[in-house]
Amino acid sequence: MTDDDSSKRALLLTTTPRVGEVLELMETAGITPVATLLQRRQKPDTSTYLGSGKLKEAAELKERVGAEMVVVNGVLKPNQFFNLSEVLGGEVYDKIKLILEIFRERVGSREASLQVEMMELTYELPILKEYVHRGKLKEHPGFLAGGEYRIDYYVRRARRRMARLRRELKAIE
């Protein structure tokens, strides 16, 4: 792996020492791992993937090595995405997001482009819903207002885009 100017610098978080697959995915996506943090666990923490002590260590390590993003060697749940991005800041990728990034970079035809966009929206919708849930816990659209939350707009927009993509894909078939 080369550390050129175009690659993003990432902190790799893992609960298993087997990281070969995720390192290959990172290389293919143009992401350079600058540090790896291992916490041996049977199962990842349900809210943050890592335990609270390792999470603090991850935040310090990310800052120290100058990582722009975090890559997790696993598949994250929406609440884990939210919590990791809150604590660590920056972009958070899991294996699925890495694979979607690779697909997006290498897409060839119009049909493939639509399919990749559809997969991305399908993948991101539960994460958006988590942000909606969290947003409704914290903010209010206005004093005694019937206004909507900004994030609701994004969810509606994503659903409309998915419906349009389905129609376009059906027309291509």
C-alpha atoms as a PDB file:
ATOM      1  CA  MET A   1       0.000   0.000   0.000  1.00  0.00           C
ATOM      2  CA  THR A   2       1.309   3.369  -0.935  1.00  0.00           C
ATOM      3  CA  ASP A   3       0.666   6.498   1.016  1.00  0.00           C
ATOM      4  CA  ASP A   4      -0.073   8.968  -1.765  1.00  0.00           C
ATOM      5  CA  ASP A   5      -1.907  12.281  -1.588  1.00  0.00           C
ATOM      6  CA  SER A   6      -5.153  10.898  -3.041  1.00  0.00           C
ATOM      7  CA  SER A   7      -5.712   8.204  -0.424  1.00  0.00           C
ATOM      8  CA  LYS A   8      -7.619   8.770   2.782  1.00  0.00           C
ATOM      9  CA  ARG A   9      -5.916   7.957   6.071  1.00  0.00           C
ATOM     10  CA  ALA A  10      -7.926   5.624   8.283  1.00  0.00           C
ATOM     11  CA  LEU A  11      -7.885   4.041  11.707  1.00  0.00           C
ATOM     12  CA  LEU A  12      -8.894   0.376  11.502  1.00  0.00           C
ATOM     13  CA  LEU A  13     -11.006  -0.978  14.385  1.00  0.00           C
ATOM     14  CA  THR A  14     -11.335  -4.726  14.793  1.00  0.00           C
ATOM     15  CA  THR A  15     -12.445  -7.340  17.300  1.00  0.00           C
ATOM     16  CA  THR A  16     -10.465 -10.104  15.608  1.00  0.00           C
ATOM     17  CA  PRO A  17      -6.829 -10.348  14.513  1.00  0.00           C
ATOM     18  CA  ARG A  18      -7.955 -11.555  11.054  1.00  0.00           C
ATOM     19  CA  VAL A  19      -7.845  -8.322   9.055  1.00  0.00           C
ATOM     20  CA  GLY A  20      -6.565  -9.473   5.643  1.00  0.00           C
ATOM     21  CA  GLU A  21      -9.901  -9.096   3.851  1.00  0.00           C
ATOM     22  CA  VAL A  22     -10.659  -5.614   5.166  1.00  0.00           C
ATOM     23  CA  LEU A  23      -7.096  -4.456   4.396  1.00  0.00           C
ATOM     24  CA  GLU A  24      -7.527  -5.591   0.788  1.00  0.00           C
ATOM     25  CA  LEU A  25     -10.877  -3.792   0.576  1.00  0.00           C
ATOM     26  CA  MET A  26      -9.285  -0.643   1.982  1.00  0.00           C
ATOM     27  CA  GLU A  27      -6.444  -0.801  -0.532  1.00  0.00           C
ATOM     28  CA  THR A  28      -8.896  -1.291  -3.408  1.00  0.00           C
ATOM     29  CA  ALA A  29     -10.956   1.687  -2.196  1.00  0.00           C
ATOM     30  CA  GLY A  30      -7.844   3.876  -1.958  1.00  0.00           C
ATOM     31  CA  ILE A  31      -7.843   4.065   1.831  1.00  0.00           C
ATOM     32  CA  THR A  32      -4.554   3.832   3.724  1.00  0.00           C
ATOM     33  CA  PRO A  33      -4.646   2.263   7.200  1.00  0.00           C
ATOM     34  CA  VAL A  34      -2.387   4.324   9.457  1.00  0.00           C
ATOM     35  CA  ALA A  35      -3.116   2.375  12.650  1.00  0.00           C
ATOM     36  CA  THR A  36      -5.056  -0.670  13.804  1.00  0.00           C
ATOM     37  CA  LEU A  37      -6.796  -1.018  17.154  1.00  0.00           C
ATOM     38  CA  LEU A  38      -7.717  -4.536  18.229  1.00  0.00           C
ATOM     39  CA  GLN A  39     -10.096  -5.382  21.040  1.00  0.00           C
ATOM     40  CA  ARG A  40     -10.541  -9.113  21.406  1.00  0.00           C
ATOM     41  CA  ARG A  41     -14.220  -9.772  22.020  1.00  0.00           C
ATOM     42  CA  GLN A  42     -16.615 -12.591  21.260  1.00  0.00           C
ATOM     43  CA  LYS A  43     -19.203 -10.096  20.006  1.00  0.00           C
ATOM     44  CA  PRO A  44     -18.858  -6.386  19.263  1.00  0.00           C
ATOM     45  CA  ASP A  45     -20.443  -3.983  21.754  1.00  0.00           C
ATOM     46  CA  THR A  46     -24.068  -3.438  20.718  1.00  0.00           C
ATOM     47  CA  SER A  47     -23.930   0.344  20.975  1.00  0.00           C
ATOM     48  CA  THR A  48     -20.382   1.319  19.976  1.00  0.00           C
ATOM     49  CA  TYR A  49     -18.704  -1.808  18.503  1.00  0.00           C
ATOM     50  CA  LEU A  50     -15.830  -1.403  21.019  1.00  0.00           C
ATOM     51  CA  GLY A  51     -16.002  -1.169  24.786  1.00  0.00           C
ATOM     52  CA  SER A  52     -15.909   2.296  26.373  1.00  0.00           C
ATOM     53  CA  GLY A  53     -12.225   2.089  27.336  1.00  0.00           C
ATOM     54  CA  LYS A  54     -11.116   1.040  23.846  1.00  0.00           C
ATOM     55  CA  LEU A  55     -13.373   3.692  22.356  1.00  0.00           C
ATOM     56  CA  LYS A  56     -11.524   6.410  24.303  1.00  0.00           C
ATOM     57  CA  GLU A  57      -8.242   4.855  23.198  1.00  0.00           C
ATOM     58  CA  ALA A  58      -9.491   4.866  19.584  1.00  0.00           C
ATOM     59  CA  ALA A  59     -10.355   8.582  19.773  1.00  0.00           C
ATOM     60  CA  GLU A  60      -6.892   9.406  21.118  1.00  0.00           C
ATOM     61  CA  LEU A  61      -5.164   7.174  18.558  1.00  0.00           C
ATOM     62  CA  LYS A  62      -7.163   8.656  15.668  1.00  0.00           C
ATOM     63  CA  GLU A  63      -6.100  12.132  16.720  1.00  0.00           C
ATOM     64  CA  ARG A  64      -2.469  11.118  17.289  1.00  0.00           C
ATOM     65  CA  VAL A  65      -1.983   9.425  13.886  1.00  0.00           C
ATOM     66  CA  GLY A  66      -4.000  12.027  11.973  1.00  0.00           C
ATOM     67  CA  ALA A  67      -6.604   9.629  10.594  1.00  0.00           C
ATOM     68  CA  GLU A  68      -9.433  11.281   8.666  1.00  0.00           C
ATOM     69  CA  MET A  69     -11.798   8.358   8.978  1.00  0.00           C
ATOM     70  CA  VAL A  70     -12.487   5.093  10.775  1.00  0.00           C
ATOM     71  CA  VAL A  71     -12.908   1.691   9.127  1.00  0.00           C
ATOM     72  CA  VAL A  72     -14.521  -1.122  11.104  1.00  0.00           C
ATOM     73  CA  ASN A  73     -13.671  -4.742  10.350  1.00  0.00           C
ATOM     74  CA  GLY A  74     -17.283  -5.885  10.479  1.00  0.00           C
ATOM     75  CA  VAL A  75     -20.832  -4.820   9.701  1.00  0.00           C
ATOM     76  CA  LEU A  76     -22.239  -2.015  11.836  1.00  0.00           C
ATOM     77  CA  LYS A  77     -25.801  -1.457  12.975  1.00  0.00           C
ATOM     78  CA  PRO A  78     -27.266   2.047  12.504  1.00  0.00           C
ATOM     79  CA  ASN A  79     -26.910   2.944  16.197  1.00  0.00           C
ATOM     80  CA  GLN A  80     -23.255   1.829  16.135  1.00  0.00           C
ATOM     81  CA  PHE A  81     -22.629   4.097  13.123  1.00  0.00           C
ATOM     82  CA  PHE A  82     -24.232   7.005  14.915  1.00  0.00           C
ATOM     83  CA  ASN A  83     -22.380   6.428  18.188  1.00  0.00           C
ATOM     84  CA  LEU A  84     -18.981   5.873  16.549  1.00  0.00           C
ATOM     85  CA  SER A  85     -19.283   9.000  14.419  1.00  0.00           C
ATOM     86  CA  GLU A  86     -20.393  10.992  17.477  1.00  0.00           C
ATOM     87  CA  VAL A  87     -17.443   9.854  19.599  1.00  0.00           C
ATOM     88  CA  LEU A  88     -14.706   9.584  16.969  1.00  0.00           C
ATOM     89  CA  GLY A  89     -15.781  12.196  14.439  1.00  0.00           C
ATOM     90  CA  GLY A  90     -15.220  11.957  10.711  1.00  0.00           C
ATOM     91  CA  GLU A  91     -16.451   9.290   8.339  1.00  0.00           C
ATOM     92  CA  VAL A  92     -17.130   5.773   9.577  1.00  0.00           C
ATOM     93  CA  TYR A  93     -16.996   2.855   7.138  1.00  0.00           C
ATOM     94  CA  ASP A  94     -17.806  -0.783   7.686  1.00  0.00           C
ATOM     95  CA  LYS A  95     -17.183  -3.632   5.233  1.00  0.00           C
ATOM     96  CA  ILE A  96     -20.440  -3.072   3.362  1.00  0.00           C
ATOM     97  CA  LYS A  97     -19.794   0.636   2.906  1.00  0.00           C
ATOM     98  CA  LEU A  98     -16.271  -0.164   1.670  1.00  0.00           C
ATOM     99  CA  ILE A  99     -17.641  -2.587  -0.922  1.00  0.00           C
ATOM    100  CA  LEU A 100     -20.255  -0.066  -2.069  1.00  0.00           C
ATOM    101  CA  GLU A 101     -17.513   2.567  -2.397  1.00  0.00           C
ATOM    102  CA  ILE A 102     -15.487   0.192  -4.602  1.00  0.00           C
ATOM    103  CA  PHE A 103     -18.545  -0.582  -6.750  1.00  0.00           C
ATOM    104  CA  ARG A 104     -19.297   3.133  -7.148  1.00  0.00           C
ATOM    105  CA  GLU A 105     -15.733   3.868  -8.285  1.00  0.00           C
ATOM    106  CA  ARG A 106     -15.726   1.046 -10.852  1.00  0.00           C
ATOM    107  CA  VAL A 107     -19.231   1.236 -12.261  1.00  0.00           C
ATOM    108  CA  GLY A 108     -19.382   0.985 -16.045  1.00  0.00           C
ATOM    109  CA  SER A 109     -22.876   1.050 -17.528  1.00  0.00           C
ATOM    110  CA  ARG A 110     -25.914   3.195 -16.788  1.00  0.00           C
ATOM    111  CA  GLU A 111     -27.754   0.155 -15.426  1.00  0.00           C
ATOM    112  CA  ALA A 112     -24.866  -0.720 -13.104  1.00  0.00           C
ATOM    113  CA  SER A 113     -24.706   2.891 -11.928  1.00  0.00           C
ATOM    114  CA  LEU A 114     -28.418   2.844 -11.064  1.00  0.00           C
ATOM    115  CA  GLN A 115     -28.057  -0.494  -9.260  1.00  0.00           C
ATOM    116  CA  VAL A 116     -25.134   0.777  -7.173  1.00  0.00           C
ATOM    117  CA  GLU A 117     -27.045   3.939  -6.256  1.00  0.00           C
ATOM    118  CA  MET A 118     -30.039   1.794  -5.281  1.00  0.00           C
ATOM    119  CA  MET A 119     -27.820  -0.405  -3.079  1.00  0.00           C
ATOM    120  CA  GLU A 120     -26.300   2.675  -1.435  1.00  0.00           C
ATOM    121  CA  LEU A 121     -29.708   4.164  -0.662  1.00  0.00           C
ATOM    122  CA  THR A 122     -31.008   0.828   0.636  1.00  0.00           C
ATOM    123  CA  TYR A 123     -27.938   0.568   2.866  1.00  0.00           C
ATOM    124  CA  GLU A 124     -28.094   4.188   4.094  1.00  0.00           C
ATOM    125  CA  LEU A 125     -31.843   4.395   4.782  1.00  0.00           C
ATOM    126  CA  PRO A 126     -31.696   2.608   8.188  1.00  0.00           C
ATOM    127  CA  ILE A 127     -28.792   4.886   9.149  1.00  0.00           C
ATOM    128  CA  LEU A 128     -30.850   7.936   8.169  1.00  0.00           C
ATOM    129  CA  LYS A 129     -33.731   6.588  10.255  1.00  0.00           C
ATOM    130  CA  GLU A 130     -31.389   6.338  13.245  1.00  0.00           C
ATOM    131  CA  TYR A 131     -30.426   9.988  12.746  1.00  0.00           C
ATOM    132  CA  VAL A 132     -34.139  10.869  12.590  1.00  0.00           C
ATOM    133  CA  HIS A 133     -34.739   9.001  15.830  1.00  0.00           C
ATOM    134  CA  ARG A 134     -31.796  10.721  17.532  1.00  0.00           C
ATOM    135  CA  GLY A 135     -32.749  14.103  16.111  1.00  0.00           C
ATOM    136  CA  LYS A 136     -36.253  13.844  17.498  1.00  0.00           C
ATOM    137  CA  LEU A 137     -34.845  13.113  20.921  1.00  0.00           C
ATOM    138  CA  LYS A 138     -32.702  16.258  20.895  1.00  0.00           C
ATOM    139  CA  GLU A 139     -34.247  18.958  18.760  1.00  0.00           C
ATOM    140  CA  HIS A 140     -37.624  20.507  18.291  1.00  0.00           C
ATOM    141  CA  PRO A 141     -38.606  22.146  15.012  1.00  0.00           C
ATOM    142  CA  GLY A 142     -39.944  25.255  16.718  1.00  0.00           C
ATOM    143  CA  PHE A 143     -41.869  26.471  19.729  1.00  0.00           C
ATOM    144  CA  LEU A 144     -45.344  24.962  19.438  1.00  0.00           C
ATOM    145  CA  ALA A 145     -44.615  24.476  15.740  1.00  0.00           C
ATOM    146  CA  GLY A 146     -45.890  21.749  13.496  1.00  0.00           C
ATOM    147  CA  GLY A 147     -42.718  21.963  11.437  1.00  0.00           C
ATOM    148  CA  GLU A 148     -40.752  18.961  10.344  1.00  0.00           C
ATOM    149  CA  TYR A 149     -37.280  17.830  11.197  1.00  0.00           C
ATOM    150  CA  ARG A 150     -34.710  18.438   8.475  1.00  0.00           C
ATOM    151  CA  ILE A 151     -33.670  14.791   8.558  1.00  0.00           C
ATOM    152  CA  ASP A 152     -37.264  13.729   7.740  1.00  0.00           C
ATOM    153  CA  TYR A 153     -36.803  15.577   4.460  1.00  0.00           C
ATOM    154  CA  TYR A 154     -33.704  13.504   3.646  1.00  0.00           C
ATOM    155  CA  VAL A 155     -35.474  10.223   4.396  1.00  0.00           C
ATOM    156  CA  ARG A 156     -38.421  11.202   2.190  1.00  0.00           C
ATOM    157  CA  ARG A 157     -36.040  12.294  -0.549  1.00  0.00           C
ATOM    158  CA  ALA A 158     -34.117   8.991  -0.347  1.00  0.00           C
ATOM    159  CA  ARG A 159     -37.353   7.005  -0.625  1.00  0.00           C
ATOM    160  CA  ARG A 160     -38.490   9.038  -3.649  1.00  0.00           C
ATOM    161  CA  ARG A 161     -35.090   8.545  -5.292  1.00  0.00           C
ATOM    162  CA  MET A 162     -35.294   4.790  -4.654  1.00  0.00           C
ATOM    163  CA  ALA A 163     -38.739   4.660  -6.301  1.00  0.00           C
ATOM    164  CA  ARG A 164     -37.402   6.576  -9.316  1.00  0.00           C
ATOM    165  CA  LEU A 165     -34.400   4.229  -9.546  1.00  0.00           C
ATOM    166  CA  ARG A 166     -36.713   1.195  -9.481  1.00  0.00           C
ATOM    167  CA  ARG A 167     -38.725   2.647 -12.382  1.00  0.00           C
ATOM    168  CA  GLU A 168     -35.570   3.425 -14.374  1.00  0.00           C
ATOM    169  CA  LEU A 169     -34.149  -0.051 -13.761  1.00  0.00           C
ATOM    170  CA  LYS A 170     -37.439  -1.654 -14.794  1.00  0.00           C
ATOM    171  CA  ALA A 171     -37.417   0.405 -18.010  1.00  0.00           C
ATOM    172  CA  ILE A 172     -33.868  -0.772 -18.811  1.00  0.00           C
ATOM    173  CA  GLU A 173     -34.731  -4.461 -18.309  1.00  0.00           C
END
